[in-house]
Amino acid sequence: MLIAIVLGLILVMKLLSKPLPESTLGPEADEFARRVQEALNVSGYETLEEIRFSFRNHDYIWHKKEERVLVSWNDYEVNLTLKEIENSKVFKRGKILNRASLIDKAKASFYNDSYWLVAPFKFFDPGAERSLVETENGSKALLITHTSGGVTPGDSYLWYFDENLIPTHFELWVSIIPIKGISATWSSWVNKQDVLFSTFHKLGPLEITIGDLEVY
């Protein structure tokens, strides 16, 4: 019985999944990605020194220029040093702990959670490949594949935009989600120091809210 249920779930996931679309690499894709970033004010984003936000039960103080992040949840605080992760420190109620597993948890949480906030500003990160996809209605979509970096390199995201080049949603081909090509919205855009951020996403039945967003 259990085997039948598992096989049934695998079949459903295959039926719901979509293959990656054909896409075209090259300077046109790069130019399109730059125009999207300009619509969100990437220049302003690059000057930000600190971003604070909450995601589910985690709170983040991201010192962007210094590549340090204070990650807090429950009674734990982790001071992440992203370039030298081995120098990160873990505290519980102010007492220092030697817990590498909590550093790994904080790092994975930060990379995942911050992606839902700043993904459009990561189009030109090292290892990111940009290609264009022509949609059924003749508009352009942007396929971003992260070949390295983060926690799960190889993930791909197909971005769709409105007439002002503001992202409306993307489709995901990621290792942690078994249904390939599932769509997630990018909405509830807010202006923080003239930089645009999306603070709400809907992924199937799951609602993802970015809270307490402040930038400096």
N, C-alpha and C. Protein backbone atom coordinates (compact mmCIF):
# COMPACT_ATOMS: atom_id res chain seq x y z
N MET A 1 0.83 -1.21 0.00
CA MET A 1 0.00 0.00 0.00
C MET A 1 0.86 1.26 0.00
N LEU A 2 1.90 1.27 0.88
CA LEU A 2 2.78 2.42 0.97
C LEU A 2 3.50 2.65 -0.35
N ILE A 3 3.96 1.58 -0.98
CA ILE A 3 4.65 1.70 -2.26
C ILE A 3 3.73 2.32 -3.31
N ALA A 4 2.48 1.91 -3.30
CA ALA A 4 1.51 2.45 -4.26
C ALA A 4 1.29 3.95 -4.04
N ILE A 5 1.25 4.37 -2.77
CA ILE A 5 1.07 5.79 -2.46
C ILE A 5 2.28 6.60 -2.95
N VAL A 6 3.48 6.07 -2.68
CA VAL A 6 4.70 6.77 -3.10
C VAL A 6 4.75 6.88 -4.62
N LEU A 7 4.44 5.78 -5.31
CA LEU A 7 4.46 5.81 -6.78
C LEU A 7 3.42 6.78 -7.31
N GLY A 8 2.27 6.83 -6.63
CA GLY A 8 1.23 7.76 -7.04
C GLY A 8 1.68 9.21 -6.89
N LEU A 9 2.35 9.51 -5.76
CA LEU A 9 2.85 10.87 -5.55
C LEU A 9 3.90 11.24 -6.58
N ILE A 10 4.77 10.29 -6.92
CA ILE A 10 5.80 10.55 -7.94
C ILE A 10 5.15 10.84 -9.28
N LEU A 11 4.11 10.07 -9.62
CA LEU A 11 3.40 10.28 -10.88
C LEU A 11 2.74 11.65 -10.91
N VAL A 12 2.10 12.04 -9.80
CA VAL A 12 1.44 13.35 -9.74
C VAL A 12 2.46 14.47 -9.90
N MET A 13 3.62 14.34 -9.23
CA MET A 13 4.65 15.36 -9.34
C MET A 13 5.17 15.48 -10.76
N LYS A 14 5.30 14.33 -11.44
CA LYS A 14 5.76 14.37 -12.83
C LYS A 14 4.72 15.02 -13.73
N LEU A 15 3.45 14.75 -13.48
CA LEU A 15 2.39 15.33 -14.30
C LEU A 15 2.30 16.83 -14.10
N LEU A 16 2.54 17.30 -12.86
CA LEU A 16 2.45 18.72 -12.57
C LEU A 16 3.70 19.49 -12.97
N SER A 17 4.82 18.77 -13.13
CA SER A 17 6.08 19.44 -13.44
C SER A 17 6.15 19.83 -14.91
N LYS A 18 6.95 20.88 -15.16
CA LYS A 18 7.19 21.34 -16.52
C LYS A 18 8.69 21.30 -16.80
N PRO A 19 9.08 21.06 -18.04
CA PRO A 19 10.50 21.10 -18.37
C PRO A 19 10.99 22.54 -18.45
N LEU A 20 12.28 22.73 -18.27
CA LEU A 20 12.84 24.05 -18.49
C LEU A 20 12.62 24.47 -19.94
N PRO A 21 12.21 25.70 -20.18
CA PRO A 21 11.97 26.13 -21.56
C PRO A 21 13.28 26.38 -22.31
N GLU A 22 13.18 26.39 -23.63
CA GLU A 22 14.33 26.78 -24.43
C GLU A 22 14.60 28.26 -24.21
N SER A 23 15.87 28.60 -24.12
CA SER A 23 16.24 29.99 -23.84
C SER A 23 17.49 30.35 -24.62
N THR A 24 17.74 31.66 -24.70
CA THR A 24 18.87 32.16 -25.48
C THR A 24 19.78 32.99 -24.61
N LEU A 25 21.03 32.53 -24.45
CA LEU A 25 22.05 33.28 -23.74
C LEU A 25 22.57 34.41 -24.63
N GLY A 26 23.18 35.41 -23.99
CA GLY A 26 23.82 36.43 -24.79
C GLY A 26 23.60 37.83 -24.30
N PRO A 27 24.14 38.82 -25.02
CA PRO A 27 24.08 40.21 -24.57
C PRO A 27 22.66 40.76 -24.46
N GLU A 28 21.72 40.25 -25.27
CA GLU A 28 20.35 40.74 -25.18
C GLU A 28 19.73 40.38 -23.84
N ALA A 29 20.03 39.18 -23.37
CA ALA A 29 19.54 38.77 -22.04
C ALA A 29 20.17 39.62 -20.95
N ASP A 30 21.47 39.89 -21.08
CA ASP A 30 22.14 40.73 -20.08
C ASP A 30 21.54 42.13 -20.05
N GLU A 31 21.28 42.70 -21.21
CA GLU A 31 20.71 44.04 -21.28
C GLU A 31 19.31 44.06 -20.67
N PHE A 32 18.53 43.04 -20.95
CA PHE A 32 17.18 42.97 -20.38
C PHE A 32 17.23 42.88 -18.86
N ALA A 33 18.16 42.06 -18.34
CA ALA A 33 18.32 41.92 -16.88
C ALA A 33 18.73 43.25 -16.26
N ARG A 34 19.59 43.99 -16.92
CA ARG A 34 19.99 45.30 -16.40
C ARG A 34 18.81 46.27 -16.36
N ARG A 35 17.97 46.24 -17.38
CA ARG A 35 16.81 47.13 -17.41
C ARG A 35 15.84 46.80 -16.25
N VAL A 36 15.68 45.52 -15.96
CA VAL A 36 14.83 45.13 -14.83
C VAL A 36 15.42 45.67 -13.53
N GLN A 37 16.72 45.49 -13.35
CA GLN A 37 17.35 45.98 -12.13
C GLN A 37 17.25 47.50 -12.02
N GLU A 38 17.39 48.19 -13.14
CA GLU A 38 17.26 49.65 -13.10
C GLU A 38 15.85 50.07 -12.69
N ALA A 39 14.84 49.31 -13.11
CA ALA A 39 13.46 49.63 -12.73
C ALA A 39 13.26 49.52 -11.22
N LEU A 40 14.07 48.68 -10.57
CA LEU A 40 13.98 48.49 -9.12
C LEU A 40 14.98 49.36 -8.36
N ASN A 41 15.82 50.08 -9.10
CA ASN A 41 16.87 50.95 -8.56
C ASN A 41 18.01 50.15 -7.95
N VAL A 42 18.70 49.40 -8.82
CA VAL A 42 19.84 48.61 -8.34
C VAL A 42 20.96 49.50 -7.82
N SER A 43 21.12 50.70 -8.38
CA SER A 43 22.18 51.60 -7.89
C SER A 43 21.93 51.97 -6.44
N GLY A 44 20.66 52.25 -6.11
CA GLY A 44 20.33 52.55 -4.73
C GLY A 44 20.54 51.35 -3.83
N TYR A 45 20.19 50.17 -4.32
CA TYR A 45 20.38 48.95 -3.53
C TYR A 45 21.85 48.73 -3.20
N GLU A 46 22.71 48.99 -4.17
CA GLU A 46 24.14 48.73 -3.97
C GLU A 46 24.75 49.66 -2.92
N THR A 47 24.13 50.81 -2.69
CA THR A 47 24.66 51.74 -1.68
C THR A 47 24.17 51.43 -0.27
N LEU A 48 23.19 50.56 -0.14
CA LEU A 48 22.66 50.24 1.19
C LEU A 48 23.72 49.52 2.02
N GLU A 49 23.82 49.91 3.27
CA GLU A 49 24.79 49.29 4.17
C GLU A 49 24.16 48.23 5.06
N GLU A 50 22.86 48.38 5.34
CA GLU A 50 22.22 47.45 6.28
C GLU A 50 20.78 47.20 5.86
N ILE A 51 20.37 45.93 5.93
CA ILE A 51 18.99 45.54 5.65
C ILE A 51 18.50 44.70 6.83
N ARG A 52 17.37 45.09 7.39
CA ARG A 52 16.76 44.34 8.49
C ARG A 52 15.41 43.79 8.03
N PHE A 53 15.15 42.53 8.33
CA PHE A 53 13.86 41.95 7.97
C PHE A 53 13.61 40.69 8.79
N SER A 54 12.36 40.26 8.78
CA SER A 54 12.00 39.00 9.42
C SER A 54 11.36 38.09 8.39
N PHE A 55 11.54 36.81 8.60
CA PHE A 55 11.02 35.80 7.70
C PHE A 55 10.63 34.60 8.54
N ARG A 56 9.29 34.36 8.60
CA ARG A 56 8.78 33.32 9.49
C ARG A 56 9.30 33.60 10.90
N ASN A 57 10.03 32.68 11.52
CA ASN A 57 10.42 32.90 12.92
C ASN A 57 11.87 33.36 13.04
N HIS A 58 12.47 33.84 11.94
CA HIS A 58 13.85 34.32 11.97
C HIS A 58 13.88 35.83 11.79
N ASP A 59 14.79 36.48 12.51
CA ASP A 59 15.05 37.91 12.35
C ASP A 59 16.48 38.10 11.85
N TYR A 60 16.64 39.05 10.93
CA TYR A 60 17.94 39.26 10.30
C TYR A 60 18.36 40.73 10.39
N ILE A 61 19.61 40.94 10.75
CA ILE A 61 20.26 42.24 10.59
C ILE A 61 21.48 41.99 9.69
N TRP A 62 21.34 42.41 8.45
CA TRP A 62 22.34 42.11 7.41
C TRP A 62 23.19 43.34 7.16
N HIS A 63 24.44 43.28 7.61
CA HIS A 63 25.41 44.33 7.33
C HIS A 63 26.01 44.02 5.95
N LYS A 64 25.37 44.56 4.94
CA LYS A 64 25.64 44.12 3.57
C LYS A 64 27.06 44.43 3.13
N LYS A 65 27.53 45.62 3.42
CA LYS A 65 28.88 46.00 3.00
C LYS A 65 29.94 45.15 3.68
N GLU A 66 29.70 44.79 4.94
CA GLU A 66 30.68 44.03 5.71
C GLU A 66 30.50 42.52 5.54
N GLU A 67 29.43 42.12 4.85
CA GLU A 67 29.11 40.70 4.65
C GLU A 67 29.02 39.95 5.98
N ARG A 68 28.29 40.60 6.91
CA ARG A 68 27.99 39.98 8.19
C ARG A 68 26.48 39.99 8.39
N VAL A 69 25.98 38.95 9.06
CA VAL A 69 24.55 38.85 9.33
C VAL A 69 24.34 38.37 10.75
N LEU A 70 23.48 39.07 11.49
CA LEU A 70 23.03 38.59 12.79
C LEU A 70 21.69 37.88 12.57
N VAL A 71 21.66 36.59 12.81
CA VAL A 71 20.47 35.77 12.63
C VAL A 71 19.95 35.38 14.01
N SER A 72 18.67 35.68 14.27
CA SER A 72 18.09 35.39 15.59
C SER A 72 16.82 34.57 15.44
N TRP A 73 16.68 33.55 16.28
CA TRP A 73 15.43 32.79 16.37
C TRP A 73 15.39 32.09 17.72
N ASN A 74 14.19 32.00 18.28
CA ASN A 74 14.03 31.42 19.61
C ASN A 74 15.02 32.07 20.57
N ASP A 75 15.86 31.28 21.23
CA ASP A 75 16.84 31.83 22.16
C ASP A 75 18.23 31.95 21.54
N TYR A 76 18.33 31.72 20.23
CA TYR A 76 19.64 31.67 19.59
C TYR A 76 19.94 32.96 18.82
N GLU A 77 21.22 33.31 18.80
CA GLU A 77 21.74 34.34 17.92
C GLU A 77 23.01 33.81 17.28
N VAL A 78 23.11 34.00 15.97
CA VAL A 78 24.31 33.58 15.25
C VAL A 78 24.87 34.80 14.52
N ASN A 79 26.11 35.13 14.82
CA ASN A 79 26.82 36.17 14.09
C ASN A 79 27.55 35.50 12.92
N LEU A 80 26.95 35.61 11.73
CA LEU A 80 27.53 34.99 10.55
C LEU A 80 28.53 35.94 9.90
N THR A 81 29.71 35.43 9.61
CA THR A 81 30.67 36.14 8.76
C THR A 81 30.71 35.36 7.45
N LEU A 82 30.09 35.92 6.42
CA LEU A 82 29.81 35.15 5.22
C LEU A 82 31.08 34.76 4.46
N LYS A 83 32.10 35.60 4.50
CA LYS A 83 33.34 35.29 3.78
C LYS A 83 34.22 34.32 4.55
N GLU A 84 34.09 34.32 5.87
CA GLU A 84 34.89 33.42 6.71
C GLU A 84 33.93 32.74 7.68
N ILE A 85 33.15 31.82 7.15
CA ILE A 85 32.06 31.23 7.92
C ILE A 85 32.56 30.55 9.19
N GLU A 86 33.81 30.09 9.15
CA GLU A 86 34.37 29.40 10.33
C GLU A 86 34.57 30.36 11.50
N ASN A 87 34.55 31.66 11.25
CA ASN A 87 34.70 32.64 12.32
C ASN A 87 33.36 33.10 12.89
N SER A 88 32.27 32.50 12.43
CA SER A 88 30.96 32.84 12.95
C SER A 88 30.82 32.37 14.40
N LYS A 89 29.93 33.02 15.14
CA LYS A 89 29.76 32.69 16.55
C LYS A 89 28.29 32.47 16.87
N VAL A 90 28.04 31.52 17.78
CA VAL A 90 26.69 31.15 18.19
C VAL A 90 26.50 31.50 19.66
N PHE A 91 25.32 32.09 19.95
CA PHE A 91 24.99 32.42 21.34
C PHE A 91 23.59 31.89 21.65
N LYS A 92 23.41 31.46 22.88
CA LYS A 92 22.09 31.12 23.39
C LYS A 92 21.89 31.88 24.69
N ARG A 93 20.91 32.79 24.65
CA ARG A 93 20.64 33.67 25.81
C ARG A 93 21.91 34.36 26.27
N GLY A 94 22.75 34.79 25.31
CA GLY A 94 23.97 35.53 25.61
C GLY A 94 25.18 34.67 25.91
N LYS A 95 24.99 33.35 26.03
CA LYS A 95 26.11 32.46 26.33
C LYS A 95 26.62 31.83 25.05
N ILE A 96 27.95 31.91 24.82
CA ILE A 96 28.53 31.41 23.59
C ILE A 96 28.50 29.89 23.56
N LEU A 97 28.20 29.34 22.39
CA LEU A 97 28.13 27.90 22.19
C LEU A 97 29.09 27.49 21.08
N ASN A 98 29.55 26.25 21.13
CA ASN A 98 30.35 25.69 20.05
C ASN A 98 29.47 24.72 19.26
N ARG A 99 28.68 25.26 18.34
CA ARG A 99 27.70 24.44 17.63
C ARG A 99 27.76 24.75 16.14
N ALA A 100 28.58 24.01 15.42
CA ALA A 100 28.72 24.22 13.97
C ALA A 100 27.40 23.99 13.25
N SER A 101 26.57 23.08 13.77
CA SER A 101 25.30 22.79 13.12
C SER A 101 24.38 24.01 13.11
N LEU A 102 24.45 24.83 14.17
CA LEU A 102 23.63 26.04 14.23
C LEU A 102 24.15 27.11 13.27
N ILE A 103 25.46 27.15 13.06
CA ILE A 103 26.01 28.05 12.05
C ILE A 103 25.53 27.65 10.68
N ASP A 104 25.56 26.35 10.38
CA ASP A 104 25.06 25.86 9.08
C ASP A 104 23.58 26.17 8.92
N LYS A 105 22.81 26.02 9.98
CA LYS A 105 21.38 26.31 9.91
C LYS A 105 21.14 27.79 9.63
N ALA A 106 21.86 28.65 10.33
CA ALA A 106 21.70 30.09 10.14
C ALA A 106 22.11 30.50 8.74
N LYS A 107 23.19 29.93 8.24
CA LYS A 107 23.67 30.25 6.88
C LYS A 107 22.64 29.83 5.84
N ALA A 108 22.14 28.60 5.95
CA ALA A 108 21.15 28.11 4.98
C ALA A 108 19.87 28.95 5.05
N SER A 109 19.45 29.30 6.27
CA SER A 109 18.24 30.11 6.42
C SER A 109 18.43 31.49 5.80
N PHE A 110 19.57 32.10 6.02
CA PHE A 110 19.81 33.43 5.46
C PHE A 110 19.80 33.40 3.94
N TYR A 111 20.52 32.46 3.34
CA TYR A 111 20.56 32.41 1.87
C TYR A 111 19.16 32.17 1.29
N ASN A 112 18.40 31.29 1.91
CA ASN A 112 17.05 31.02 1.40
C ASN A 112 16.14 32.23 1.62
N ASP A 113 16.11 32.75 2.83
CA ASP A 113 15.14 33.78 3.18
C ASP A 113 15.45 35.11 2.48
N SER A 114 16.73 35.46 2.41
CA SER A 114 17.09 36.73 1.76
C SER A 114 16.83 36.67 0.26
N TYR A 115 16.86 35.47 -0.32
CA TYR A 115 16.60 35.36 -1.76
C TYR A 115 15.19 35.83 -2.09
N TRP A 116 14.25 35.55 -1.21
CA TRP A 116 12.86 36.00 -1.43
C TRP A 116 12.73 37.52 -1.32
N LEU A 117 13.75 38.17 -0.81
CA LEU A 117 13.73 39.63 -0.69
C LEU A 117 14.53 40.31 -1.79
N VAL A 118 15.71 39.77 -2.11
CA VAL A 118 16.64 40.52 -2.99
C VAL A 118 17.01 39.75 -4.25
N ALA A 119 16.29 38.71 -4.60
CA ALA A 119 16.65 37.92 -5.78
C ALA A 119 16.84 38.74 -7.06
N PRO A 120 15.99 39.75 -7.34
CA PRO A 120 16.22 40.49 -8.58
C PRO A 120 17.55 41.25 -8.63
N PHE A 121 18.13 41.51 -7.47
CA PHE A 121 19.41 42.19 -7.44
C PHE A 121 20.58 41.22 -7.56
N LYS A 122 20.30 39.92 -7.72
CA LYS A 122 21.33 38.90 -7.79
C LYS A 122 21.48 38.34 -9.21
N PHE A 123 20.90 39.02 -10.20
CA PHE A 123 20.96 38.53 -11.58
C PHE A 123 22.39 38.44 -12.10
N PHE A 124 23.29 39.27 -11.56
CA PHE A 124 24.67 39.28 -12.05
C PHE A 124 25.65 38.78 -10.99
N ASP A 125 25.16 38.04 -10.02
CA ASP A 125 26.04 37.42 -9.04
C ASP A 125 27.00 36.44 -9.74
N PRO A 126 28.18 36.20 -9.16
CA PRO A 126 29.06 35.17 -9.73
C PRO A 126 28.33 33.84 -9.87
N GLY A 127 28.45 33.23 -11.03
CA GLY A 127 27.79 31.95 -11.27
C GLY A 127 26.39 32.04 -11.82
N ALA A 128 25.82 33.26 -11.91
CA ALA A 128 24.47 33.42 -12.44
C ALA A 128 24.52 33.53 -13.96
N GLU A 129 23.69 32.74 -14.63
CA GLU A 129 23.56 32.80 -16.08
C GLU A 129 22.21 33.38 -16.45
N ARG A 130 22.19 34.25 -17.43
CA ARG A 130 20.98 34.94 -17.87
C ARG A 130 20.65 34.54 -19.31
N SER A 131 19.40 34.20 -19.54
CA SER A 131 18.96 33.89 -20.90
C SER A 131 17.51 34.31 -21.06
N LEU A 132 17.13 34.59 -22.30
CA LEU A 132 15.78 35.06 -22.60
C LEU A 132 14.89 33.93 -23.08
N VAL A 133 13.63 34.01 -22.70
CA VAL A 133 12.61 33.06 -23.13
C VAL A 133 11.46 33.87 -23.73
N GLU A 134 10.99 33.47 -24.90
CA GLU A 134 9.83 34.12 -25.49
C GLU A 134 8.57 33.39 -25.03
N THR A 135 7.66 34.11 -24.40
CA THR A 135 6.45 33.50 -23.86
C THR A 135 5.40 33.32 -24.95
N GLU A 136 4.31 32.64 -24.59
CA GLU A 136 3.26 32.36 -25.57
C GLU A 136 2.62 33.64 -26.11
N ASN A 137 2.58 34.69 -25.29
CA ASN A 137 1.97 35.94 -25.76
C ASN A 137 2.97 36.88 -26.43
N GLY A 138 4.19 36.39 -26.63
CA GLY A 138 5.19 37.17 -27.34
C GLY A 138 6.04 38.08 -26.49
N SER A 139 5.80 38.12 -25.20
CA SER A 139 6.63 38.94 -24.31
C SER A 139 7.89 38.18 -23.91
N LYS A 140 8.78 38.89 -23.23
CA LYS A 140 10.05 38.29 -22.83
C LYS A 140 10.01 37.90 -21.35
N ALA A 141 10.54 36.73 -21.08
CA ALA A 141 10.78 36.29 -19.71
C ALA A 141 12.27 36.05 -19.56
N LEU A 142 12.76 36.15 -18.34
CA LEU A 142 14.19 36.05 -18.08
C LEU A 142 14.48 34.82 -17.23
N LEU A 143 15.29 33.93 -17.78
CA LEU A 143 15.68 32.71 -17.06
C LEU A 143 17.02 32.95 -16.38
N ILE A 144 17.03 32.80 -15.06
CA ILE A 144 18.25 32.93 -14.26
C ILE A 144 18.60 31.56 -13.71
N THR A 145 19.80 31.09 -14.01
CA THR A 145 20.30 29.83 -13.46
C THR A 145 21.54 30.12 -12.63
N HIS A 146 21.50 29.72 -11.37
CA HIS A 146 22.63 29.92 -10.47
C HIS A 146 23.49 28.66 -10.50
N THR A 147 24.58 28.73 -11.23
CA THR A 147 25.43 27.55 -11.39
C THR A 147 26.35 27.32 -10.20
N SER A 148 26.48 28.33 -9.34
CA SER A 148 27.31 28.18 -8.14
C SER A 148 26.80 29.17 -7.10
N GLY A 149 27.32 29.02 -5.87
CA GLY A 149 26.94 29.93 -4.80
C GLY A 149 25.69 29.48 -4.08
N GLY A 150 25.37 30.17 -2.98
CA GLY A 150 24.19 29.83 -2.20
C GLY A 150 24.30 28.45 -1.57
N VAL A 151 23.16 27.84 -1.35
CA VAL A 151 23.13 26.52 -0.71
C VAL A 151 22.83 25.42 -1.72
N THR A 152 22.06 25.73 -2.76
CA THR A 152 21.67 24.71 -3.75
C THR A 152 21.98 25.20 -5.15
N PRO A 153 23.28 25.20 -5.54
CA PRO A 153 23.62 25.63 -6.90
C PRO A 153 22.96 24.73 -7.94
N GLY A 154 22.63 25.34 -9.09
CA GLY A 154 21.94 24.62 -10.16
C GLY A 154 20.47 24.98 -10.25
N ASP A 155 19.95 25.73 -9.29
CA ASP A 155 18.55 26.13 -9.31
C ASP A 155 18.31 27.16 -10.41
N SER A 156 17.11 27.09 -11.02
CA SER A 156 16.74 28.01 -12.10
C SER A 156 15.40 28.67 -11.79
N TYR A 157 15.27 29.93 -12.22
CA TYR A 157 14.07 30.73 -11.98
C TYR A 157 13.71 31.47 -13.27
N LEU A 158 12.48 31.30 -13.72
CA LEU A 158 12.01 31.98 -14.92
C LEU A 158 11.13 33.15 -14.49
N TRP A 159 11.61 34.37 -14.72
CA TRP A 159 10.97 35.59 -14.24
C TRP A 159 10.05 36.18 -15.30
N TYR A 160 8.88 36.66 -14.83
CA TYR A 160 7.92 37.36 -15.67
C TYR A 160 7.71 38.77 -15.11
N PHE A 161 7.36 39.72 -16.00
CA PHE A 161 7.34 41.13 -15.61
C PHE A 161 6.10 41.83 -16.16
N ASP A 162 5.76 42.97 -15.52
CA ASP A 162 4.69 43.80 -16.05
C ASP A 162 5.27 44.77 -17.08
N GLU A 163 4.43 45.71 -17.55
CA GLU A 163 4.88 46.63 -18.59
C GLU A 163 5.98 47.58 -18.12
N ASN A 164 6.14 47.71 -16.81
CA ASN A 164 7.19 48.57 -16.25
C ASN A 164 8.44 47.77 -15.83
N LEU A 165 8.48 46.51 -16.23
CA LEU A 165 9.59 45.61 -15.91
C LEU A 165 9.70 45.32 -14.42
N ILE A 166 8.60 45.43 -13.71
CA ILE A 166 8.56 45.01 -12.30
C ILE A 166 8.16 43.53 -12.27
N PRO A 167 8.92 42.68 -11.58
CA PRO A 167 8.57 41.26 -11.54
C PRO A 167 7.17 41.02 -10.97
N THR A 168 6.43 40.12 -11.62
CA THR A 168 5.10 39.72 -11.14
C THR A 168 5.12 38.32 -10.53
N HIS A 169 5.94 37.44 -11.09
CA HIS A 169 6.06 36.08 -10.56
C HIS A 169 7.26 35.40 -11.21
N PHE A 170 7.67 34.29 -10.63
CA PHE A 170 8.63 33.44 -11.32
C PHE A 170 8.23 31.98 -11.17
N GLU A 171 8.77 31.17 -12.09
CA GLU A 171 8.62 29.72 -12.02
C GLU A 171 9.94 29.13 -11.57
N LEU A 172 9.86 28.10 -10.72
CA LEU A 172 11.05 27.57 -10.06
C LEU A 172 11.36 26.16 -10.52
N TRP A 173 12.64 25.93 -10.80
CA TRP A 173 13.18 24.59 -10.97
C TRP A 173 14.29 24.46 -9.93
N VAL A 174 13.92 24.01 -8.73
CA VAL A 174 14.86 23.99 -7.61
C VAL A 174 14.86 22.61 -6.97
N SER A 175 15.99 22.28 -6.37
CA SER A 175 16.17 20.93 -5.85
C SER A 175 15.25 20.62 -4.68
N ILE A 176 14.89 21.63 -3.88
CA ILE A 176 14.12 21.35 -2.67
C ILE A 176 12.61 21.26 -2.92
N ILE A 177 12.16 21.60 -4.14
CA ILE A 177 10.74 21.50 -4.48
C ILE A 177 10.57 20.43 -5.56
N PRO A 178 9.84 19.37 -5.28
CA PRO A 178 9.75 18.26 -6.24
C PRO A 178 8.99 18.59 -7.52
N ILE A 179 8.04 19.54 -7.46
CA ILE A 179 7.30 19.93 -8.66
C ILE A 179 8.11 21.01 -9.38
N LYS A 180 8.53 20.70 -10.59
CA LYS A 180 9.39 21.62 -11.34
C LYS A 180 8.54 22.57 -12.18
N GLY A 181 8.91 23.85 -12.11
CA GLY A 181 8.17 24.86 -12.86
C GLY A 181 6.99 25.45 -12.12
N ILE A 182 6.87 25.17 -10.82
CA ILE A 182 5.78 25.75 -10.02
C ILE A 182 5.98 27.26 -9.93
N SER A 183 4.88 28.00 -9.84
CA SER A 183 4.94 29.46 -9.88
C SER A 183 4.82 30.07 -8.49
N ALA A 184 5.55 31.17 -8.27
CA ALA A 184 5.45 31.95 -7.03
C ALA A 184 5.31 33.41 -7.40
N THR A 185 4.39 34.12 -6.74
CA THR A 185 4.16 35.52 -7.05
C THR A 185 5.21 36.40 -6.39
N TRP A 186 5.40 37.58 -6.98
CA TRP A 186 6.19 38.66 -6.38
C TRP A 186 5.27 39.87 -6.35
N SER A 187 4.82 40.25 -5.16
CA SER A 187 3.83 41.31 -5.04
C SER A 187 4.07 42.11 -3.76
N SER A 188 3.12 43.01 -3.45
CA SER A 188 3.23 43.90 -2.29
C SER A 188 4.58 44.61 -2.29
N TRP A 189 4.86 45.29 -3.40
CA TRP A 189 6.11 46.02 -3.52
C TRP A 189 6.09 47.26 -2.63
N VAL A 190 7.22 47.50 -1.96
CA VAL A 190 7.36 48.68 -1.11
C VAL A 190 8.61 49.44 -1.53
N ASN A 191 8.57 50.75 -1.29
CA ASN A 191 9.69 51.62 -1.62
C ASN A 191 10.44 51.95 -0.33
N LYS A 192 11.70 51.52 -0.28
CA LYS A 192 12.56 51.82 0.86
C LYS A 192 13.78 52.56 0.35
N GLN A 193 13.87 53.84 0.68
CA GLN A 193 14.96 54.69 0.21
C GLN A 193 15.09 54.61 -1.31
N ASP A 194 13.95 54.67 -1.98
CA ASP A 194 13.87 54.67 -3.45
C ASP A 194 14.25 53.33 -4.08
N VAL A 195 14.39 52.28 -3.28
CA VAL A 195 14.64 50.93 -3.79
C VAL A 195 13.37 50.12 -3.61
N LEU A 196 12.98 49.35 -4.64
CA LEU A 196 11.75 48.57 -4.57
C LEU A 196 12.03 47.14 -4.10
N PHE A 197 11.21 46.69 -3.14
CA PHE A 197 11.31 45.33 -2.61
C PHE A 197 9.92 44.70 -2.61
N SER A 198 9.85 43.43 -2.96
CA SER A 198 8.61 42.68 -2.84
C SER A 198 8.55 42.05 -1.46
N THR A 199 7.40 42.18 -0.80
CA THR A 199 7.28 41.70 0.58
C THR A 199 6.26 40.58 0.75
N PHE A 200 5.70 40.08 -0.37
CA PHE A 200 4.73 39.00 -0.25
C PHE A 200 4.83 38.09 -1.47
N HIS A 201 4.79 36.78 -1.20
CA HIS A 201 4.85 35.77 -2.26
C HIS A 201 3.83 34.68 -1.96
N LYS A 202 3.24 34.17 -3.01
CA LYS A 202 2.33 33.03 -2.86
C LYS A 202 2.85 31.89 -3.72
N LEU A 203 3.21 30.80 -3.08
CA LEU A 203 3.76 29.62 -3.74
C LEU A 203 2.80 28.46 -3.50
N GLY A 204 1.93 28.19 -4.48
CA GLY A 204 0.87 27.20 -4.25
C GLY A 204 0.01 27.67 -3.10
N PRO A 205 -0.25 26.82 -2.10
CA PRO A 205 -1.04 27.24 -0.94
C PRO A 205 -0.23 28.00 0.10
N LEU A 206 1.09 28.07 -0.10
CA LEU A 206 1.98 28.68 0.90
C LEU A 206 2.07 30.19 0.68
N GLU A 207 1.88 30.95 1.76
CA GLU A 207 2.05 32.40 1.72
C GLU A 207 3.33 32.78 2.45
N ILE A 208 4.17 33.57 1.78
CA ILE A 208 5.48 33.95 2.29
C ILE A 208 5.50 35.45 2.46
N THR A 209 5.67 35.90 3.69
CA THR A 209 5.65 37.33 3.99
C THR A 209 7.01 37.76 4.54
N ILE A 210 7.54 38.85 3.97
CA ILE A 210 8.72 39.50 4.52
C ILE A 210 8.25 40.57 5.47
N GLY A 211 8.64 40.49 6.74
CA GLY A 211 8.17 41.45 7.73
C GLY A 211 9.28 42.36 8.24
N ASP A 212 8.87 43.46 8.87
CA ASP A 212 9.78 44.35 9.59
C ASP A 212 10.93 44.85 8.73
N LEU A 213 10.67 45.11 7.45
CA LEU A 213 11.73 45.50 6.54
C LEU A 213 12.15 46.95 6.77
N GLU A 214 13.45 47.13 7.00
CA GLU A 214 14.04 48.46 7.12
C GLU A 214 15.41 48.44 6.45
N VAL A 215 15.77 49.53 5.81
CA VAL A 215 17.08 49.61 5.16
C VAL A 215 17.77 50.89 5.59
N TYR A 216 19.11 50.85 5.56
CA TYR A 216 19.91 51.99 5.99
C TYR A 216 21.10 52.16 5.06
